[in-house]
């Protein structure tokens, strides 16, 4: 089975373990991400997991789904409203079960698919490997607001290397989406994995350098933390510029959260 598919399932299982014992009313707690509730997060993850799976199995059906979604939003409907209607109002543990059951099914399909095969998406087409990596990234990133609101410090595993690689590969995207030319050279990365292993990327340099915990780098490129709220050590104008607005996800340019606004909530 493709490693990225297994890693997606493992990250989803970690989030499932976090929420499986919650009471239904707990799912209406507001997170620090746009005041999304835990219900909102799980609905969002489930619908886009389903959409990625649909794109893998039936490109035309996915395109029809996308037309329906874009028609809704072009008529001033919100994405959250669309997702709520799409899951027919499911919430709480009933929603969790539906989300969790589907993950097992889609993991099998992605796991045996050709990693290099191209699939359609809301943005540019991508490989199957990139598609399931994006699902892992989004599960990890949106999962962070759930960990935060529940006051739980996440224990990461080395599967976050997938997110590090995605962050590195979207260096140019961070600038291009803002109409800017990506500055060269790319910074050298020296990141410590959860296991303690050292991960390095790009040409060795002390003039352009990002160094620290891989988890912190993932938090910055997914915009779940401001760089000021991490312990990353940054040297050089290109590195500083990148970390001030890094964005490893599709869509229009998004600003990182202001310093101090995204954090684990204590005594909740």
Protein backbone atom coordinates (compact mmCIF):
# COMPACT_ATOMS: atom_id res chain seq x y z
CA UNK A 1 0.00 0.00 0.00
CA UNK A 2 1.24 3.51 -0.81
CA UNK A 3 2.93 4.95 2.28
CA UNK A 4 1.13 8.30 2.01
CA UNK A 5 -2.24 6.52 2.15
CA UNK A 6 -1.20 4.69 5.31
CA UNK A 7 0.05 7.95 6.81
CA UNK A 8 -3.25 9.67 6.00
CA UNK A 9 -5.14 6.89 7.77
CA UNK A 10 -2.82 7.03 10.79
CA UNK A 11 -3.25 10.81 11.14
CA UNK A 12 -7.00 10.43 10.85
CA UNK A 13 -6.97 7.70 13.50
CA UNK A 14 -5.07 10.02 15.85
CA UNK A 15 -7.76 12.68 15.46
CA UNK A 16 -10.47 10.03 15.86
CA UNK A 17 -8.92 8.90 19.15
CA UNK A 18 -9.06 12.51 20.34
CA UNK A 19 -12.77 13.03 19.64
CA UNK A 20 -14.28 9.57 20.02
CA UNK A 21 -15.05 9.99 23.72
CA UNK A 22 -16.56 13.49 23.46
CA UNK A 23 -20.20 14.13 24.27
CA UNK A 24 -22.34 15.40 21.40
CA UNK A 25 -22.60 18.86 22.96
CA UNK A 26 -18.79 19.13 23.05
CA UNK A 27 -18.75 19.24 19.26
CA UNK A 28 -20.31 22.71 19.31
CA UNK A 29 -17.31 24.21 21.07
CA UNK A 30 -15.79 26.99 18.97
CA UNK A 31 -12.17 26.68 17.94
CA UNK A 32 -9.70 29.50 17.32
CA UNK A 33 -9.97 29.01 13.53
CA UNK A 34 -12.69 31.34 12.23
CA UNK A 35 -14.86 30.22 15.16
CA UNK A 36 -15.40 26.88 13.47
CA UNK A 37 -16.82 24.32 15.86
CA UNK A 38 -15.47 20.79 16.15
CA UNK A 39 -18.55 19.73 14.15
CA UNK A 40 -17.54 22.18 11.40
CA UNK A 41 -14.03 20.73 11.28
CA UNK A 42 -15.19 17.10 10.98
CA UNK A 43 -17.81 18.00 8.36
CA UNK A 44 -15.17 19.84 6.33
CA UNK A 45 -12.70 16.97 6.51
CA UNK A 46 -15.33 14.39 5.63
CA UNK A 47 -16.74 16.18 2.60
CA UNK A 48 -13.33 16.88 1.10
CA UNK A 49 -12.14 13.35 1.79
CA UNK A 50 -15.20 12.18 -0.11
CA UNK A 51 -14.50 14.68 -2.89
CA UNK A 52 -10.88 13.51 -3.26
CA UNK A 53 -12.09 9.92 -3.42
CA UNK A 54 -14.70 10.88 -6.03
CA UNK A 55 -12.01 12.58 -8.12
CA UNK A 56 -9.99 9.36 -7.97
CA UNK A 57 -12.91 7.21 -9.08
CA UNK A 58 -14.95 9.43 -11.42
CA UNK A 59 -13.58 12.70 -12.78
CA UNK A 60 -16.85 13.75 -14.42
CA UNK A 61 -18.83 13.20 -11.22
CA UNK A 62 -16.30 15.28 -9.31
CA UNK A 63 -16.59 18.11 -11.82
CA UNK A 64 -20.38 18.05 -11.43
CA UNK A 65 -20.00 18.22 -7.65
CA UNK A 66 -17.68 21.19 -8.04
CA UNK A 67 -20.20 23.01 -10.24
CA UNK A 68 -22.86 22.49 -7.56
CA UNK A 69 -20.55 23.84 -4.87
CA UNK A 70 -19.47 26.87 -6.89
CA UNK A 71 -23.07 27.67 -7.82
CA UNK A 72 -23.90 27.70 -4.12
CA UNK A 73 -21.02 29.99 -3.16
CA UNK A 74 -21.55 32.31 -6.14
CA UNK A 75 -25.08 32.90 -4.81
CA UNK A 76 -23.64 34.13 -1.51
CA UNK A 77 -23.89 30.77 0.19
CA UNK A 78 -21.06 29.87 2.54
CA UNK A 79 -18.86 26.79 2.33
CA UNK A 80 -19.88 25.80 5.85
CA UNK A 81 -23.57 25.95 4.88
CA UNK A 82 -22.91 23.75 1.87
CA UNK A 83 -21.01 21.20 3.96
CA UNK A 84 -23.79 21.15 6.58
CA UNK A 85 -26.39 20.42 3.91
CA UNK A 86 -24.13 17.89 2.24
CA UNK A 87 -23.88 15.79 5.43
CA UNK A 88 -27.63 16.29 5.97
CA UNK A 89 -27.04 17.98 9.31
CA UNK A 90 -25.03 15.17 10.86
CA UNK A 91 -23.23 16.19 14.03
CA UNK A 92 -21.54 14.80 17.10
CA UNK A 93 -20.69 11.14 17.31
CA UNK A 94 -22.95 10.22 14.38
CA UNK A 95 -20.86 12.53 12.20
CA UNK A 96 -17.63 11.12 13.62
CA UNK A 97 -18.69 7.56 12.78
CA UNK A 98 -19.57 8.50 9.20
CA UNK A 99 -16.26 10.34 8.73
CA UNK A 100 -14.24 7.55 10.33
CA UNK A 101 -15.91 4.71 8.43
CA UNK A 102 -15.30 6.42 5.09
CA UNK A 103 -11.60 6.91 5.82
CA UNK A 104 -11.07 3.15 5.94
CA UNK A 105 -12.76 2.74 2.55
CA UNK A 106 -10.90 5.51 0.75
CA UNK A 107 -7.53 4.51 2.19
CA UNK A 108 -7.82 1.14 0.46
CA UNK A 109 -8.65 2.76 -2.88
CA UNK A 110 -5.82 5.30 -2.68
CA UNK A 111 -3.43 2.70 -1.33
CA UNK A 112 -3.62 0.52 -4.44
CA UNK A 113 -3.91 3.32 -7.02
CA UNK A 114 -1.01 4.34 -9.27
CA UNK A 115 0.75 7.10 -7.27
CA UNK A 116 1.67 8.96 -10.46
CA UNK A 117 -1.80 8.93 -12.04
CA UNK A 118 -3.27 12.42 -12.50
CA UNK A 119 -6.57 13.32 -10.85
CA UNK A 120 -8.74 16.41 -11.22
CA UNK A 121 -9.19 18.84 -8.34
CA UNK A 122 -10.65 22.23 -7.48
CA UNK A 123 -7.29 23.74 -8.41
CA UNK A 124 -4.74 22.28 -10.82
CA UNK A 125 -4.75 18.54 -11.46
CA UNK A 126 -2.39 16.57 -9.25
CA UNK A 127 -0.97 13.11 -8.80
CA UNK A 128 -2.71 10.50 -6.67
CA UNK A 129 0.22 10.70 -4.24
CA UNK A 130 -0.18 14.48 -3.97
CA UNK A 131 -3.94 14.15 -3.52
CA UNK A 132 -3.75 11.84 -0.52
CA UNK A 133 -0.83 13.86 0.90
CA UNK A 134 -3.06 16.94 0.72
CA UNK A 135 -5.75 15.06 2.67
CA UNK A 136 -3.17 14.13 5.31
CA UNK A 137 -2.03 17.76 5.51
CA UNK A 138 -5.56 19.09 5.88
CA UNK A 139 -6.42 16.49 8.51
CA UNK A 140 -3.31 17.46 10.47
CA UNK A 141 -3.85 21.20 10.05
CA UNK A 142 -7.56 21.30 10.90
CA UNK A 143 -6.96 18.74 13.59
CA UNK A 144 -4.74 21.30 15.32
CA UNK A 145 -7.65 23.56 16.18
CA UNK A 146 -9.40 20.58 17.77
CA UNK A 147 -6.35 19.70 19.86
CA UNK A 148 -6.06 23.37 20.82
CA UNK A 149 -9.66 23.86 21.94
CA UNK A 150 -9.56 20.63 23.96
CA UNK A 151 -6.34 21.71 25.68
CA UNK A 152 -4.34 18.75 24.38
CA UNK A 153 -0.70 18.95 23.26
CA UNK A 154 -0.40 16.76 20.18
CA UNK A 155 2.24 14.05 20.07
CA UNK A 156 3.42 13.93 16.48
CA UNK A 157 4.92 11.05 14.52
CA UNK A 158 7.41 11.06 11.66
CA UNK A 159 4.58 10.90 9.13
CA UNK A 160 4.59 14.71 9.32
CA UNK A 161 7.55 14.47 6.94
CA UNK A 162 4.88 14.41 4.22
CA UNK A 163 3.81 17.90 5.32
CA UNK A 164 7.40 19.12 5.47
CA UNK A 165 7.93 17.95 1.88
CA UNK A 166 4.69 19.62 0.82
CA UNK A 167 5.84 22.82 2.51
CA UNK A 168 9.17 22.71 0.70
CA UNK A 169 7.54 21.93 -2.66
CA UNK A 170 5.16 24.90 -2.33
CA UNK A 171 7.92 27.46 -1.73
CA UNK A 172 7.33 28.94 -5.18
CA UNK A 173 3.55 28.77 -4.76
CA UNK A 174 3.69 30.93 -1.63
CA UNK A 175 5.10 33.77 -3.71
CA UNK A 176 3.38 33.09 -7.04
CA UNK A 177 -0.09 33.19 -5.48
CA UNK A 178 0.77 36.71 -4.30
CA UNK A 179 2.05 37.79 -7.71
CA UNK A 180 5.65 37.76 -6.51
CA UNK A 181 8.79 36.17 -7.90
CA UNK A 182 10.13 33.46 -5.56
CA UNK A 183 13.48 34.69 -4.21
CA UNK A 184 16.52 32.47 -4.71
CA UNK A 185 18.27 30.64 -3.27
CA UNK A 186 15.74 28.63 -1.33
CA UNK A 187 16.66 28.47 2.36
CA UNK A 188 18.43 25.43 3.77
CA UNK A 189 16.24 23.47 6.20
CA UNK A 190 17.58 21.58 9.21
CA UNK A 191 14.59 20.08 11.00
CA UNK A 192 14.42 17.63 13.87
CA UNK A 193 11.77 14.93 13.39
CA UNK A 194 9.55 13.75 16.24
CA UNK A 195 11.77 10.64 16.39
CA UNK A 196 14.89 12.79 16.77
CA UNK A 197 16.11 12.14 13.23
CA UNK A 198 17.56 15.14 11.38
CA UNK A 199 15.84 16.08 8.12
CA UNK A 200 17.65 18.43 5.74
CA UNK A 201 16.44 20.05 2.54
CA UNK A 202 18.01 22.29 -0.13
CA UNK A 203 21.65 23.29 -0.45
CA UNK A 204 23.61 23.71 2.77
CA UNK A 205 23.79 27.35 3.86
CA UNK A 206 24.18 29.42 7.00
CA UNK A 207 23.16 32.63 5.25
CA UNK A 208 19.68 31.33 4.38
CA UNK A 209 18.63 28.86 7.05
CA UNK A 210 15.54 27.58 8.87
CA UNK A 211 16.33 25.32 11.81
CA UNK A 212 14.27 23.73 14.56
CA UNK A 213 11.53 21.20 15.16
CA UNK A 214 9.78 19.75 12.11
CA UNK A 215 6.47 20.20 13.93
CA UNK A 216 7.05 23.95 14.14
CA UNK A 217 7.83 24.15 10.42
CA UNK A 218 4.62 22.24 9.64
CA UNK A 219 2.63 24.61 11.83
CA UNK A 220 3.97 27.62 9.93
CA UNK A 221 3.48 26.32 6.38
CA UNK A 222 -0.09 25.18 7.19
CA UNK A 223 -0.75 28.52 8.96
CA UNK A 224 -1.90 27.01 12.25
CA UNK A 225 0.73 29.07 14.09
CA UNK A 226 2.46 32.38 13.51
CA UNK A 227 6.23 32.03 13.14
CA UNK A 228 6.56 34.18 16.29
CA UNK A 229 4.78 31.46 18.29
CA UNK A 230 7.30 28.77 17.34
CA UNK A 231 10.94 28.14 18.26
CA UNK A 232 12.16 28.04 14.67
CA UNK A 233 15.47 29.80 14.11
CA UNK A 234 15.47 31.78 10.88
CA UNK A 235 18.44 33.44 9.16
CA UNK A 236 18.45 35.38 5.90
CA UNK A 237 15.97 37.62 4.04
CA UNK A 238 14.57 34.81 1.86
CA UNK A 239 13.94 32.58 4.85
CA UNK A 240 12.34 35.39 6.83
CA UNK A 241 10.16 36.41 3.89
CA UNK A 242 8.98 32.85 3.32
CA UNK A 243 8.18 32.14 6.96
CA UNK A 244 6.22 35.39 7.22
CA UNK A 245 3.59 34.11 4.73
CA UNK A 246 4.26 30.44 3.94
CA UNK A 247 1.21 28.70 2.47
CA UNK A 248 1.25 25.05 1.46
CA UNK A 249 -2.45 24.85 0.58
CA UNK A 250 -4.38 25.89 -2.52
CA UNK A 251 -6.72 28.85 -2.89
CA UNK A 252 -6.08 32.56 -2.79
CA UNK A 253 -3.37 34.14 -0.64
CA UNK A 254 -4.04 33.78 3.06
CA UNK A 255 -2.35 35.60 5.92
CA UNK A 256 -0.97 33.61 8.87
CA UNK A 257 -2.79 34.01 12.19
CA UNK A 258 -1.65 37.00 14.27
CA UNK A 259 0.92 36.16 16.97
CA UNK A 260 -0.55 34.62 20.09
CA UNK A 261 -3.97 33.84 18.62
CA UNK A 262 -3.51 30.12 17.88
CA UNK A 263 -2.44 28.07 20.88
CA UNK A 264 -3.36 25.16 23.14
CA UNK A 265 -6.05 26.39 25.51
CA UNK A 266 -5.33 25.53 29.13
CA UNK A 267 -7.91 24.68 31.79
CA UNK A 268 -10.73 24.14 29.27
